[in-house]
N, C-alpha and C. Protein backbone atom coordinates (compact mmCIF):
# COMPACT_ATOMS: atom_id res chain seq x y z
N UNK A 1 34.59 -172.24 22.41
CA UNK A 1 35.82 -171.71 23.01
C UNK A 1 35.46 -170.62 24.00
N UNK A 2 36.18 -170.57 25.13
CA UNK A 2 35.91 -169.57 26.16
C UNK A 2 36.44 -168.22 25.72
N UNK A 3 35.63 -167.20 25.81
CA UNK A 3 36.05 -165.87 25.40
C UNK A 3 36.81 -165.19 26.52
N UNK A 4 37.53 -164.10 26.15
CA UNK A 4 38.28 -163.32 27.13
C UNK A 4 37.33 -162.74 28.17
N UNK A 5 36.13 -162.31 27.73
CA UNK A 5 35.18 -161.73 28.66
C UNK A 5 34.75 -162.75 29.71
N UNK A 6 34.65 -164.02 29.32
CA UNK A 6 34.24 -165.05 30.26
C UNK A 6 35.35 -165.40 31.24
N UNK A 7 36.60 -165.31 30.80
CA UNK A 7 37.72 -165.70 31.65
C UNK A 7 38.83 -164.67 31.50
N UNK A 8 38.73 -163.50 32.17
CA UNK A 8 39.71 -162.43 31.96
C UNK A 8 41.07 -162.71 32.58
N UNK A 9 41.13 -163.58 33.59
CA UNK A 9 42.40 -163.91 34.24
C UNK A 9 42.75 -165.35 33.90
N UNK A 10 43.90 -165.52 33.25
CA UNK A 10 44.30 -166.85 32.80
C UNK A 10 45.65 -167.21 33.43
N UNK A 11 45.66 -168.28 34.20
CA UNK A 11 46.84 -168.74 34.92
C UNK A 11 47.20 -170.14 34.43
N UNK A 12 48.41 -170.29 33.93
CA UNK A 12 48.86 -171.57 33.39
C UNK A 12 50.16 -171.99 34.07
N UNK A 13 50.40 -173.29 34.14
CA UNK A 13 51.64 -173.80 34.71
C UNK A 13 51.99 -175.13 34.07
N UNK A 14 53.29 -175.38 33.98
CA UNK A 14 53.78 -176.64 33.44
C UNK A 14 54.79 -177.23 34.42
N UNK A 15 54.56 -178.45 34.82
CA UNK A 15 55.47 -179.10 35.77
C UNK A 15 56.72 -179.55 35.03
N UNK A 16 57.87 -178.99 35.40
CA UNK A 16 59.11 -179.37 34.76
C UNK A 16 59.59 -180.72 35.27
N UNK A 17 60.27 -181.44 34.42
CA UNK A 17 60.85 -182.73 34.81
C UNK A 17 62.10 -182.96 33.98
N UNK A 18 63.17 -183.48 34.60
CA UNK A 18 63.22 -183.81 36.03
C UNK A 18 63.49 -182.57 36.88
N UNK A 19 63.15 -182.66 38.16
CA UNK A 19 63.45 -181.62 39.13
C UNK A 19 64.54 -182.10 40.08
N UNK A 20 65.38 -181.17 40.50
CA UNK A 20 66.44 -181.51 41.43
C UNK A 20 65.86 -181.99 42.76
N UNK A 21 66.48 -183.01 43.33
CA UNK A 21 66.02 -183.51 44.64
C UNK A 21 66.32 -182.53 45.76
N UNK A 22 67.37 -181.74 45.62
CA UNK A 22 67.83 -180.95 46.76
C UNK A 22 67.75 -179.43 46.56
N UNK A 23 67.63 -178.97 45.32
CA UNK A 23 67.68 -177.53 45.07
C UNK A 23 66.62 -176.76 45.86
N UNK A 24 65.46 -177.38 46.07
CA UNK A 24 64.38 -176.69 46.79
C UNK A 24 64.79 -176.31 48.21
N UNK A 25 65.80 -176.98 48.76
CA UNK A 25 66.24 -176.68 50.12
C UNK A 25 66.92 -175.31 50.22
N UNK A 26 67.42 -174.80 49.10
CA UNK A 26 68.12 -173.51 49.13
C UNK A 26 67.39 -172.44 48.32
N UNK A 27 66.22 -172.75 47.81
CA UNK A 27 65.51 -171.75 47.01
C UNK A 27 65.10 -170.53 47.84
N UNK A 28 64.99 -170.69 49.15
CA UNK A 28 64.70 -169.52 50.00
C UNK A 28 65.80 -168.48 49.84
N UNK A 29 67.04 -168.94 49.68
CA UNK A 29 68.16 -168.02 49.49
C UNK A 29 68.21 -167.50 48.06
N UNK A 30 67.99 -168.37 47.11
CA UNK A 30 68.04 -167.96 45.71
C UNK A 30 66.93 -166.97 45.35
N UNK A 31 65.81 -167.05 46.07
CA UNK A 31 64.68 -166.17 45.76
C UNK A 31 64.80 -164.80 46.40
N UNK A 32 65.79 -164.59 47.29
CA UNK A 32 65.90 -163.32 48.02
C UNK A 32 65.98 -162.12 47.09
N UNK A 33 66.82 -162.13 46.03
CA UNK A 33 66.83 -160.94 45.15
C UNK A 33 65.47 -160.61 44.58
N UNK A 34 64.72 -161.62 44.20
CA UNK A 34 63.37 -161.37 43.69
C UNK A 34 62.46 -160.78 44.76
N UNK A 35 62.55 -161.28 45.97
CA UNK A 35 61.68 -160.79 47.03
C UNK A 35 61.98 -159.34 47.37
N UNK A 36 63.25 -158.94 47.29
CA UNK A 36 63.61 -157.54 47.52
C UNK A 36 62.98 -156.65 46.46
N UNK A 37 63.12 -157.06 45.20
CA UNK A 37 62.53 -156.28 44.10
C UNK A 37 61.01 -156.25 44.22
N UNK A 38 60.41 -157.40 44.53
CA UNK A 38 58.95 -157.46 44.63
C UNK A 38 58.41 -156.60 45.76
N UNK A 39 59.17 -156.44 46.82
CA UNK A 39 58.72 -155.57 47.91
C UNK A 39 58.50 -154.14 47.39
N UNK A 40 59.42 -153.66 46.56
CA UNK A 40 59.28 -152.32 45.99
C UNK A 40 58.20 -152.28 44.92
N UNK A 41 58.11 -153.34 44.13
CA UNK A 41 57.08 -153.39 43.10
C UNK A 41 55.68 -153.37 43.71
N UNK A 42 55.50 -154.10 44.81
CA UNK A 42 54.18 -154.12 45.44
C UNK A 42 53.85 -152.82 46.16
N UNK A 43 54.87 -152.11 46.59
CA UNK A 43 54.64 -150.77 47.14
C UNK A 43 54.13 -149.85 46.03
N UNK A 44 54.77 -149.92 44.86
CA UNK A 44 54.30 -149.13 43.72
C UNK A 44 52.92 -149.59 43.27
N UNK A 45 52.68 -150.90 43.29
CA UNK A 45 51.38 -151.46 42.93
C UNK A 45 50.28 -150.84 43.80
N UNK A 46 50.54 -150.72 45.10
CA UNK A 46 49.55 -150.18 46.02
C UNK A 46 49.28 -148.71 45.75
N UNK A 47 50.35 -147.94 45.55
CA UNK A 47 50.20 -146.51 45.29
C UNK A 47 49.47 -146.27 43.97
N UNK A 48 49.87 -146.98 42.93
CA UNK A 48 49.22 -146.82 41.63
C UNK A 48 47.78 -147.33 41.66
N UNK A 49 47.51 -148.29 42.55
CA UNK A 49 46.14 -148.75 42.70
C UNK A 49 45.20 -147.64 43.15
N UNK A 50 45.70 -146.74 43.99
CA UNK A 50 44.89 -145.60 44.42
C UNK A 50 44.63 -144.66 43.25
N UNK A 51 45.64 -144.48 42.40
CA UNK A 51 45.46 -143.64 41.21
C UNK A 51 44.42 -144.27 40.28
N UNK A 52 44.53 -145.60 40.09
CA UNK A 52 43.58 -146.29 39.24
C UNK A 52 42.16 -146.21 39.80
N UNK A 53 42.04 -146.30 41.12
CA UNK A 53 40.73 -146.20 41.77
C UNK A 53 40.05 -144.88 41.40
N UNK A 54 40.78 -143.78 41.51
CA UNK A 54 40.22 -142.47 41.19
C UNK A 54 39.88 -142.38 39.70
N UNK A 55 40.78 -142.90 38.85
CA UNK A 55 40.55 -142.84 37.41
C UNK A 55 39.29 -143.61 37.01
N UNK A 56 39.12 -144.80 37.61
CA UNK A 56 37.92 -145.60 37.28
C UNK A 56 36.67 -144.90 37.78
N UNK A 57 36.75 -144.31 38.96
CA UNK A 57 35.60 -143.62 39.54
C UNK A 57 35.17 -142.44 38.66
N UNK A 58 36.12 -141.77 38.06
CA UNK A 58 35.83 -140.57 37.26
C UNK A 58 35.53 -140.92 35.81
N UNK A 59 36.30 -141.85 35.24
CA UNK A 59 36.20 -142.09 33.79
C UNK A 59 35.64 -143.46 33.43
N UNK A 60 35.62 -144.40 34.37
CA UNK A 60 35.19 -145.76 34.06
C UNK A 60 36.24 -146.57 33.32
N UNK A 61 37.47 -146.08 33.30
CA UNK A 61 38.54 -146.78 32.61
C UNK A 61 39.76 -146.94 33.52
N UNK A 62 40.45 -148.04 33.37
CA UNK A 62 41.68 -148.31 34.10
C UNK A 62 42.84 -147.78 33.24
N UNK A 63 43.63 -146.83 33.73
CA UNK A 63 44.73 -146.31 32.91
C UNK A 63 45.61 -147.45 32.38
N UNK A 64 45.80 -147.49 31.07
CA UNK A 64 46.44 -148.64 30.45
C UNK A 64 47.88 -148.86 30.96
N UNK A 65 48.63 -147.79 31.15
CA UNK A 65 49.99 -147.94 31.63
C UNK A 65 50.04 -148.56 33.02
N UNK A 66 49.15 -148.12 33.90
CA UNK A 66 49.10 -148.69 35.25
C UNK A 66 48.64 -150.14 35.19
N UNK A 67 47.66 -150.40 34.33
CA UNK A 67 47.16 -151.78 34.19
C UNK A 67 48.28 -152.73 33.77
N UNK A 68 49.03 -152.33 32.77
CA UNK A 68 50.11 -153.19 32.28
C UNK A 68 51.17 -153.41 33.37
N UNK A 69 51.46 -152.37 34.13
CA UNK A 69 52.41 -152.53 35.24
C UNK A 69 51.87 -153.51 36.27
N UNK A 70 50.59 -153.36 36.63
CA UNK A 70 49.99 -154.23 37.64
C UNK A 70 49.97 -155.68 37.20
N UNK A 71 49.64 -155.91 35.93
CA UNK A 71 49.69 -157.28 35.40
C UNK A 71 51.11 -157.82 35.50
N UNK A 72 52.08 -156.97 35.21
CA UNK A 72 53.47 -157.40 35.30
C UNK A 72 53.87 -157.80 36.71
N UNK A 73 53.39 -157.07 37.70
CA UNK A 73 53.71 -157.41 39.09
C UNK A 73 53.07 -158.75 39.47
N UNK A 74 51.83 -158.96 39.09
CA UNK A 74 51.19 -160.25 39.33
C UNK A 74 51.92 -161.38 38.62
N UNK A 75 52.31 -161.12 37.38
CA UNK A 75 53.01 -162.12 36.58
C UNK A 75 54.35 -162.49 37.22
N UNK A 76 55.11 -161.46 37.63
CA UNK A 76 56.40 -161.67 38.26
C UNK A 76 56.22 -162.46 39.56
N UNK A 77 55.24 -162.07 40.36
CA UNK A 77 54.98 -162.73 41.63
C UNK A 77 54.62 -164.20 41.44
N UNK A 78 53.83 -164.48 40.43
CA UNK A 78 53.43 -165.86 40.15
C UNK A 78 54.63 -166.70 39.74
N UNK A 79 55.51 -166.14 38.91
CA UNK A 79 56.70 -166.90 38.50
C UNK A 79 57.59 -167.22 39.70
N UNK A 80 57.78 -166.24 40.59
CA UNK A 80 58.63 -166.47 41.76
C UNK A 80 57.98 -167.47 42.71
N UNK A 81 56.69 -167.34 42.92
CA UNK A 81 55.99 -168.29 43.79
C UNK A 81 56.08 -169.70 43.23
N UNK A 82 55.95 -169.82 41.92
CA UNK A 82 55.99 -171.14 41.29
C UNK A 82 57.38 -171.76 41.41
N UNK A 83 58.41 -170.94 41.27
CA UNK A 83 59.79 -171.42 41.40
C UNK A 83 60.12 -171.80 42.84
N UNK A 84 59.68 -170.97 43.78
CA UNK A 84 60.07 -171.15 45.17
C UNK A 84 58.97 -171.85 45.96
N UNK A 85 58.65 -171.33 47.13
CA UNK A 85 57.85 -172.12 48.07
C UNK A 85 56.35 -171.94 47.93
N UNK A 86 55.94 -171.50 46.73
CA UNK A 86 54.53 -171.53 46.41
C UNK A 86 54.15 -172.78 45.64
N UNK A 87 55.17 -173.45 45.06
CA UNK A 87 54.88 -174.66 44.28
C UNK A 87 56.09 -175.56 44.08
N UNK A 88 57.30 -174.97 43.91
CA UNK A 88 58.50 -175.75 43.58
C UNK A 88 58.33 -176.49 42.26
N UNK A 89 57.57 -175.89 41.34
CA UNK A 89 57.23 -176.58 40.11
C UNK A 89 58.27 -176.51 39.01
N UNK A 90 59.34 -175.72 39.22
CA UNK A 90 60.40 -175.62 38.23
C UNK A 90 61.70 -175.27 38.92
N UNK A 91 62.81 -175.66 38.30
CA UNK A 91 64.13 -175.25 38.77
C UNK A 91 64.69 -174.14 37.89
N UNK A 92 63.92 -173.70 36.92
CA UNK A 92 64.36 -172.62 36.03
C UNK A 92 64.18 -171.29 36.75
N UNK A 93 65.28 -170.56 36.90
CA UNK A 93 65.25 -169.31 37.69
C UNK A 93 64.36 -168.28 37.00
N UNK A 94 63.49 -167.61 37.77
CA UNK A 94 62.57 -166.65 37.17
C UNK A 94 63.31 -165.44 36.59
N UNK A 95 62.85 -164.92 35.47
CA UNK A 95 63.46 -163.71 34.91
C UNK A 95 63.06 -162.48 35.71
N UNK A 96 63.95 -161.50 35.73
CA UNK A 96 63.66 -160.21 36.37
C UNK A 96 62.95 -159.34 35.33
N UNK A 97 61.68 -159.58 35.15
CA UNK A 97 60.98 -158.91 34.06
C UNK A 97 59.49 -158.85 34.33
N UNK A 98 58.89 -157.70 34.04
CA UNK A 98 57.44 -157.53 34.20
C UNK A 98 56.68 -158.10 33.01
N UNK A 99 57.29 -158.13 31.88
CA UNK A 99 56.61 -158.55 30.66
C UNK A 99 56.38 -160.04 30.60
N UNK A 100 55.62 -160.48 29.63
CA UNK A 100 55.33 -161.91 29.49
C UNK A 100 56.56 -162.71 29.10
N UNK A 101 56.59 -163.93 29.57
CA UNK A 101 57.64 -164.89 29.22
C UNK A 101 56.93 -166.19 28.83
N UNK A 102 56.48 -166.29 27.58
CA UNK A 102 55.67 -167.44 27.16
C UNK A 102 56.35 -168.79 27.36
N UNK A 103 57.67 -168.82 27.34
CA UNK A 103 58.38 -170.08 27.48
C UNK A 103 58.62 -170.49 28.92
N UNK A 104 58.34 -169.57 29.86
CA UNK A 104 58.54 -169.92 31.27
C UNK A 104 57.42 -170.87 31.71
N UNK A 105 57.70 -171.79 32.63
CA UNK A 105 56.68 -172.78 33.00
C UNK A 105 55.45 -172.22 33.70
N UNK A 106 55.51 -170.98 34.19
CA UNK A 106 54.34 -170.38 34.85
C UNK A 106 54.01 -169.06 34.15
N UNK A 107 52.78 -168.93 33.65
CA UNK A 107 52.38 -167.72 32.93
C UNK A 107 51.07 -167.18 33.48
N UNK A 108 50.87 -165.89 33.27
CA UNK A 108 49.64 -165.23 33.71
C UNK A 108 49.31 -164.13 32.72
N UNK A 109 48.04 -164.04 32.36
CA UNK A 109 47.55 -162.96 31.51
C UNK A 109 46.24 -162.44 32.08
N UNK A 110 46.06 -161.12 32.01
CA UNK A 110 44.80 -160.50 32.41
C UNK A 110 44.34 -159.63 31.25
N UNK A 111 43.14 -159.87 30.77
CA UNK A 111 42.60 -159.11 29.64
C UNK A 111 42.29 -157.68 30.07
N UNK A 112 42.69 -156.72 29.25
CA UNK A 112 42.42 -155.32 29.57
C UNK A 112 40.94 -155.00 29.36
N UNK A 113 40.28 -154.43 30.37
CA UNK A 113 38.86 -154.09 30.23
C UNK A 113 38.69 -152.71 29.60
N UNK A 114 37.89 -152.64 28.57
CA UNK A 114 37.65 -151.35 27.92
C UNK A 114 36.81 -150.43 28.80
N UNK A 115 36.00 -151.01 29.65
CA UNK A 115 35.17 -150.20 30.54
C UNK A 115 34.96 -150.96 31.85
N UNK A 116 34.97 -150.21 32.96
CA UNK A 116 34.72 -150.77 34.28
C UNK A 116 33.62 -149.99 34.97
N UNK A 117 32.84 -150.66 35.79
CA UNK A 117 31.74 -150.02 36.51
C UNK A 117 32.28 -149.01 37.52
N UNK A 118 31.73 -147.80 37.48
CA UNK A 118 32.14 -146.78 38.46
C UNK A 118 31.58 -147.09 39.84
N UNK A 119 30.42 -147.72 39.88
CA UNK A 119 29.82 -148.03 41.18
C UNK A 119 30.51 -149.20 41.87
N UNK A 120 30.84 -150.24 41.10
CA UNK A 120 31.47 -151.42 41.69
C UNK A 120 32.83 -151.11 42.30
N UNK A 121 33.53 -150.11 41.75
CA UNK A 121 34.86 -149.81 42.24
C UNK A 121 34.84 -149.42 43.72
N UNK A 122 33.68 -148.97 44.20
CA UNK A 122 33.57 -148.55 45.60
C UNK A 122 33.43 -149.72 46.56
N UNK A 123 33.00 -150.87 46.06
CA UNK A 123 32.67 -151.96 47.00
C UNK A 123 33.32 -153.30 46.68
N UNK A 124 33.81 -153.48 45.46
CA UNK A 124 34.24 -154.84 45.12
C UNK A 124 35.53 -155.24 45.80
N UNK A 125 36.42 -154.30 46.08
CA UNK A 125 37.72 -154.66 46.65
C UNK A 125 37.64 -154.99 48.13
N UNK A 126 36.54 -154.63 48.80
CA UNK A 126 36.44 -154.98 50.23
C UNK A 126 35.18 -155.77 50.52
N UNK A 127 34.01 -155.25 50.19
CA UNK A 127 32.77 -155.92 50.56
C UNK A 127 32.51 -157.15 49.69
N UNK A 128 32.54 -156.99 48.38
CA UNK A 128 32.22 -158.11 47.50
C UNK A 128 33.30 -159.20 47.54
N UNK A 129 34.54 -158.80 47.74
CA UNK A 129 35.63 -159.78 47.75
C UNK A 129 35.81 -160.45 49.11
N UNK A 130 35.11 -160.00 50.14
CA UNK A 130 35.32 -160.53 51.48
C UNK A 130 35.18 -162.04 51.58
N UNK A 131 34.14 -162.66 50.99
CA UNK A 131 34.06 -164.13 51.07
C UNK A 131 35.28 -164.82 50.47
N UNK A 132 35.82 -164.26 49.39
CA UNK A 132 37.00 -164.84 48.78
C UNK A 132 38.23 -164.68 49.68
N UNK A 133 38.31 -163.56 50.38
CA UNK A 133 39.45 -163.35 51.29
C UNK A 133 39.52 -164.45 52.35
N UNK A 134 38.38 -164.89 52.81
CA UNK A 134 38.35 -165.95 53.81
C UNK A 134 38.92 -167.24 53.25
N UNK A 135 38.54 -167.56 52.01
CA UNK A 135 39.06 -168.78 51.37
C UNK A 135 40.55 -168.65 51.10
N UNK A 136 40.96 -167.52 50.54
CA UNK A 136 42.36 -167.30 50.19
C UNK A 136 43.23 -167.26 51.44
N UNK A 137 42.68 -166.72 52.53
CA UNK A 137 43.42 -166.72 53.78
C UNK A 137 43.75 -168.13 54.24
N UNK A 138 42.85 -169.06 54.00
CA UNK A 138 43.10 -170.47 54.32
C UNK A 138 44.19 -171.04 53.42
N UNK A 139 44.20 -170.62 52.17
CA UNK A 139 45.21 -171.11 51.23
C UNK A 139 46.61 -170.61 51.58
N UNK A 140 46.72 -169.30 51.84
CA UNK A 140 48.05 -168.69 51.98
C UNK A 140 48.50 -168.54 53.42
N UNK A 141 47.59 -168.76 54.38
CA UNK A 141 47.97 -168.67 55.78
C UNK A 141 47.44 -167.39 56.42
N UNK A 142 47.01 -167.51 57.67
CA UNK A 142 46.50 -166.35 58.36
C UNK A 142 45.01 -166.19 58.19
N UNK A 143 44.42 -165.46 59.10
CA UNK A 143 42.97 -165.29 59.06
C UNK A 143 42.52 -164.15 58.19
N UNK A 144 43.45 -163.25 57.82
CA UNK A 144 43.10 -162.13 56.96
C UNK A 144 44.07 -162.11 55.80
N UNK A 145 43.67 -161.39 54.75
CA UNK A 145 44.47 -161.34 53.53
C UNK A 145 44.25 -160.03 52.83
N UNK A 146 45.32 -159.44 52.31
CA UNK A 146 45.20 -158.25 51.49
C UNK A 146 45.89 -158.51 50.17
N UNK A 147 45.47 -157.81 49.14
CA UNK A 147 45.94 -158.12 47.80
C UNK A 147 47.45 -157.98 47.69
N UNK A 148 48.07 -157.01 48.42
CA UNK A 148 49.50 -156.84 48.28
C UNK A 148 50.30 -158.01 48.84
N UNK A 149 49.71 -158.85 49.68
CA UNK A 149 50.43 -159.98 50.24
C UNK A 149 50.70 -161.06 49.19
N UNK A 150 50.03 -160.99 48.07
CA UNK A 150 50.29 -161.96 47.02
C UNK A 150 51.73 -161.85 46.54
N UNK A 151 52.33 -160.66 46.64
CA UNK A 151 53.69 -160.46 46.17
C UNK A 151 54.68 -161.41 46.81
N UNK A 152 54.59 -161.63 48.09
CA UNK A 152 55.48 -162.56 48.78
C UNK A 152 54.84 -163.92 48.93
N UNK A 153 53.55 -163.99 48.69
CA UNK A 153 52.77 -165.23 48.72
C UNK A 153 52.89 -165.92 50.07
N UNK A 154 53.32 -165.12 51.05
CA UNK A 154 53.55 -165.65 52.41
C UNK A 154 54.66 -166.68 52.46
N UNK A 155 54.87 -167.46 51.42
CA UNK A 155 55.96 -168.43 51.31
C UNK A 155 56.06 -169.36 52.51
N UNK A 156 55.09 -169.33 53.36
CA UNK A 156 55.08 -170.25 54.51
C UNK A 156 53.67 -170.23 55.08
N UNK A 157 53.28 -171.36 55.68
CA UNK A 157 51.97 -171.41 56.30
C UNK A 157 50.87 -171.59 55.29
N UNK A 158 49.68 -171.87 55.79
CA UNK A 158 48.55 -172.07 54.91
C UNK A 158 48.66 -173.40 54.19
N UNK A 159 47.57 -173.76 53.53
CA UNK A 159 47.53 -175.03 52.83
C UNK A 159 48.55 -175.09 51.70
N UNK A 160 48.77 -173.96 51.02
CA UNK A 160 49.76 -173.93 49.95
C UNK A 160 51.14 -174.27 50.50
N UNK A 161 51.51 -173.68 51.62
CA UNK A 161 52.81 -173.96 52.20
C UNK A 161 52.97 -175.40 52.63
N UNK A 162 51.91 -175.97 53.21
CA UNK A 162 51.96 -177.36 53.67
C UNK A 162 52.13 -178.32 52.49
N UNK A 163 51.33 -178.12 51.44
CA UNK A 163 51.41 -179.01 50.28
C UNK A 163 52.74 -178.86 49.54
N UNK A 164 53.26 -177.64 49.50
CA UNK A 164 54.56 -177.44 48.87
C UNK A 164 55.65 -178.17 49.64
N UNK A 165 55.57 -178.16 50.97
CA UNK A 165 56.53 -178.91 51.78
C UNK A 165 56.44 -180.40 51.50
N UNK A 166 55.22 -180.92 51.39
CA UNK A 166 55.04 -182.33 51.05
C UNK A 166 55.71 -182.65 49.70
N UNK A 167 55.50 -181.74 48.72
CA UNK A 167 56.10 -181.96 47.41
C UNK A 167 57.62 -181.96 47.49
N UNK A 168 58.18 -181.05 48.30
CA UNK A 168 59.62 -181.00 48.45
C UNK A 168 60.19 -182.26 49.09
N UNK A 169 59.51 -182.76 50.10
CA UNK A 169 59.96 -183.99 50.76
C UNK A 169 59.88 -185.16 49.79
N UNK A 170 58.81 -185.21 48.99
CA UNK A 170 58.69 -186.27 48.00
C UNK A 170 59.81 -186.19 46.99
N UNK A 171 60.17 -184.99 46.55
CA UNK A 171 61.29 -184.84 45.63
C UNK A 171 62.59 -185.33 46.26
N UNK A 172 62.80 -184.98 47.50
CA UNK A 172 64.04 -185.34 48.18
C UNK A 172 64.23 -186.85 48.25
N UNK A 173 63.16 -187.57 48.53
CA UNK A 173 63.29 -189.01 48.78
C UNK A 173 63.00 -189.87 47.55
N UNK A 174 62.20 -189.36 46.62
CA UNK A 174 61.82 -190.18 45.47
C UNK A 174 62.25 -189.60 44.13
N UNK A 175 62.59 -188.31 44.11
CA UNK A 175 62.92 -187.66 42.85
C UNK A 175 61.73 -187.37 41.98
N UNK A 176 60.52 -187.54 42.51
CA UNK A 176 59.29 -187.32 41.75
C UNK A 176 58.38 -186.34 42.47
N UNK A 177 57.70 -185.53 41.68
CA UNK A 177 56.75 -184.55 42.22
C UNK A 177 55.35 -185.16 42.11
N UNK A 178 54.64 -185.35 43.22
CA UNK A 178 53.30 -185.96 43.14
C UNK A 178 52.35 -185.12 42.29
N UNK A 179 51.79 -185.74 41.26
CA UNK A 179 50.96 -185.00 40.31
C UNK A 179 49.71 -184.43 40.98
N UNK A 180 49.13 -185.16 41.89
CA UNK A 180 47.92 -184.67 42.55
C UNK A 180 48.18 -183.40 43.34
N UNK A 181 49.33 -183.33 44.00
CA UNK A 181 49.70 -182.12 44.75
C UNK A 181 49.91 -180.96 43.80
N UNK A 182 50.59 -181.22 42.68
CA UNK A 182 50.80 -180.16 41.69
C UNK A 182 49.48 -179.58 41.20
N UNK A 183 48.56 -180.45 40.80
CA UNK A 183 47.27 -179.98 40.29
C UNK A 183 46.53 -179.14 41.32
N UNK A 184 46.55 -179.58 42.57
CA UNK A 184 45.84 -178.86 43.62
C UNK A 184 46.50 -177.51 43.90
N UNK A 185 47.83 -177.47 43.93
CA UNK A 185 48.54 -176.22 44.19
C UNK A 185 48.26 -175.19 43.10
N UNK A 186 48.32 -175.61 41.86
CA UNK A 186 48.05 -174.66 40.77
C UNK A 186 46.61 -174.16 40.85
N UNK A 187 45.68 -175.03 41.20
CA UNK A 187 44.29 -174.61 41.35
C UNK A 187 44.12 -173.56 42.42
N UNK A 188 44.82 -173.73 43.55
CA UNK A 188 44.72 -172.74 44.62
C UNK A 188 45.36 -171.41 44.22
N UNK A 189 46.51 -171.48 43.55
CA UNK A 189 47.13 -170.25 43.06
C UNK A 189 46.24 -169.55 42.04
N UNK A 190 45.58 -170.31 41.21
CA UNK A 190 44.67 -169.74 40.22
C UNK A 190 43.55 -168.97 40.92
N UNK A 191 43.03 -169.55 42.00
CA UNK A 191 41.99 -168.87 42.78
C UNK A 191 42.54 -167.58 43.38
N UNK A 192 43.73 -167.65 43.98
CA UNK A 192 44.35 -166.48 44.59
C UNK A 192 44.55 -165.36 43.57
N UNK A 193 45.04 -165.70 42.40
CA UNK A 193 45.34 -164.68 41.40
C UNK A 193 44.07 -164.07 40.80
N UNK A 194 43.04 -164.86 40.65
CA UNK A 194 41.76 -164.30 40.19
C UNK A 194 41.24 -163.27 41.19
N UNK A 195 41.33 -163.62 42.46
CA UNK A 195 40.86 -162.69 43.49
C UNK A 195 41.75 -161.45 43.54
N UNK A 196 43.07 -161.64 43.39
CA UNK A 196 43.99 -160.51 43.39
C UNK A 196 43.64 -159.52 42.28
N UNK A 197 43.39 -160.02 41.08
CA UNK A 197 43.05 -159.15 39.96
C UNK A 197 41.72 -158.43 40.21
N UNK A 198 40.75 -159.15 40.76
CA UNK A 198 39.45 -158.53 41.05
C UNK A 198 39.58 -157.47 42.13
N UNK A 199 40.29 -157.78 43.20
CA UNK A 199 40.44 -156.83 44.31
C UNK A 199 41.27 -155.62 43.89
N UNK A 200 42.16 -155.82 42.92
CA UNK A 200 42.96 -154.71 42.41
C UNK A 200 42.22 -153.91 41.35
N UNK A 201 40.92 -154.18 41.18
CA UNK A 201 40.02 -153.42 40.30
C UNK A 201 40.30 -153.64 38.82
N UNK A 202 41.01 -154.71 38.47
CA UNK A 202 41.42 -154.94 37.10
C UNK A 202 40.35 -155.61 36.26
N UNK A 203 39.29 -156.06 36.88
CA UNK A 203 38.19 -156.69 36.17
C UNK A 203 36.91 -156.57 37.00
N UNK A 204 35.78 -156.55 36.32
CA UNK A 204 34.48 -156.58 37.01
C UNK A 204 33.92 -157.99 37.07
N UNK A 205 34.59 -158.94 36.45
CA UNK A 205 34.13 -160.33 36.46
C UNK A 205 34.38 -160.95 37.82
N UNK A 206 33.32 -161.30 38.53
CA UNK A 206 33.47 -161.82 39.88
C UNK A 206 34.14 -163.19 39.83
N UNK A 207 35.16 -163.42 40.66
CA UNK A 207 35.86 -164.71 40.62
C UNK A 207 34.93 -165.85 41.00
N UNK A 208 35.01 -166.97 40.32
CA UNK A 208 34.14 -168.11 40.66
C UNK A 208 34.60 -168.76 41.96
N UNK A 209 33.64 -169.24 42.73
CA UNK A 209 33.96 -170.04 43.92
C UNK A 209 34.18 -171.48 43.47
N UNK A 210 35.33 -171.68 42.85
CA UNK A 210 35.60 -172.97 42.26
C UNK A 210 37.10 -173.19 42.17
N UNK A 211 37.52 -174.37 42.57
CA UNK A 211 38.92 -174.74 42.44
C UNK A 211 39.11 -175.41 41.09
N UNK A 212 39.88 -174.79 40.23
CA UNK A 212 40.17 -175.34 38.90
C UNK A 212 41.58 -175.93 38.93
N UNK A 213 41.73 -177.18 39.32
CA UNK A 213 43.08 -177.75 39.45
C UNK A 213 43.70 -178.05 38.09
N UNK A 214 45.01 -178.25 38.11
CA UNK A 214 45.71 -178.60 36.88
C UNK A 214 46.44 -177.44 36.28
N UNK A 215 47.43 -177.74 35.45
CA UNK A 215 48.27 -176.69 34.88
C UNK A 215 47.60 -175.83 33.84
N UNK A 216 46.63 -176.39 33.11
CA UNK A 216 45.97 -175.63 32.04
C UNK A 216 44.66 -175.05 32.54
N UNK A 217 44.33 -173.88 32.01
CA UNK A 217 43.03 -173.29 32.33
C UNK A 217 41.92 -174.21 31.83
N UNK A 218 40.82 -174.32 32.59
CA UNK A 218 39.71 -175.15 32.13
C UNK A 218 39.09 -174.59 30.87
N UNK A 219 38.52 -175.46 30.07
CA UNK A 219 38.00 -175.06 28.77
C UNK A 219 36.59 -174.50 28.87
N UNK A 220 35.86 -174.76 29.96
CA UNK A 220 34.48 -174.33 30.05
C UNK A 220 34.33 -172.89 30.45
N UNK A 221 33.07 -172.41 30.59
CA UNK A 221 32.80 -171.03 30.99
C UNK A 221 33.37 -170.75 32.37
N UNK A 222 33.67 -169.47 32.64
CA UNK A 222 34.30 -169.07 33.88
C UNK A 222 33.33 -169.11 35.04
N UNK A 223 32.08 -168.88 34.81
CA UNK A 223 31.13 -168.78 35.90
C UNK A 223 30.70 -170.10 36.46
């Protein structure tokens, strides 16, 4: 069994069925309240990230309260992206909540690290993560990417946006969500979220350069 240390960021998704043929056409409007809230949450995420940076540099620990808040912002963002134009994988409206929702079709957990490297905190969020930013930029759109952009997930452009559009068109005309597109989309989001957690200093485990498609986390080692 894979340990928490081997896989500190766990992203899961379940494709709901049946899905409405037309609801995805108005999800841009339905998601607006969430996007407004997320804009403020990601502003707080950025400010608290600076506090966490100093705390890790001095003590080697991520303040638990800030960590739990940051996980909540990532979790909330993933649920909204999954509902709206990051995947269209469910018609169940996302809850306005930072805490876990085990019954929701999209879940995210990040294991709390008891200790973090004081030296890595200086370089991992920009230098070490740079190769991943290039890959994630291709996924979400644009040539550059910053961790706070995960909050809105760009919701347009990039390979994720293109594949989500294909899925929406397939739903409209056939009433079915192509399974291959679903698996690929979740794999790309999984990559994005692993990088987001690493760049936000929440783990020292370097994200693997690997696309893990499918709704369930892979059973093998993370590396």
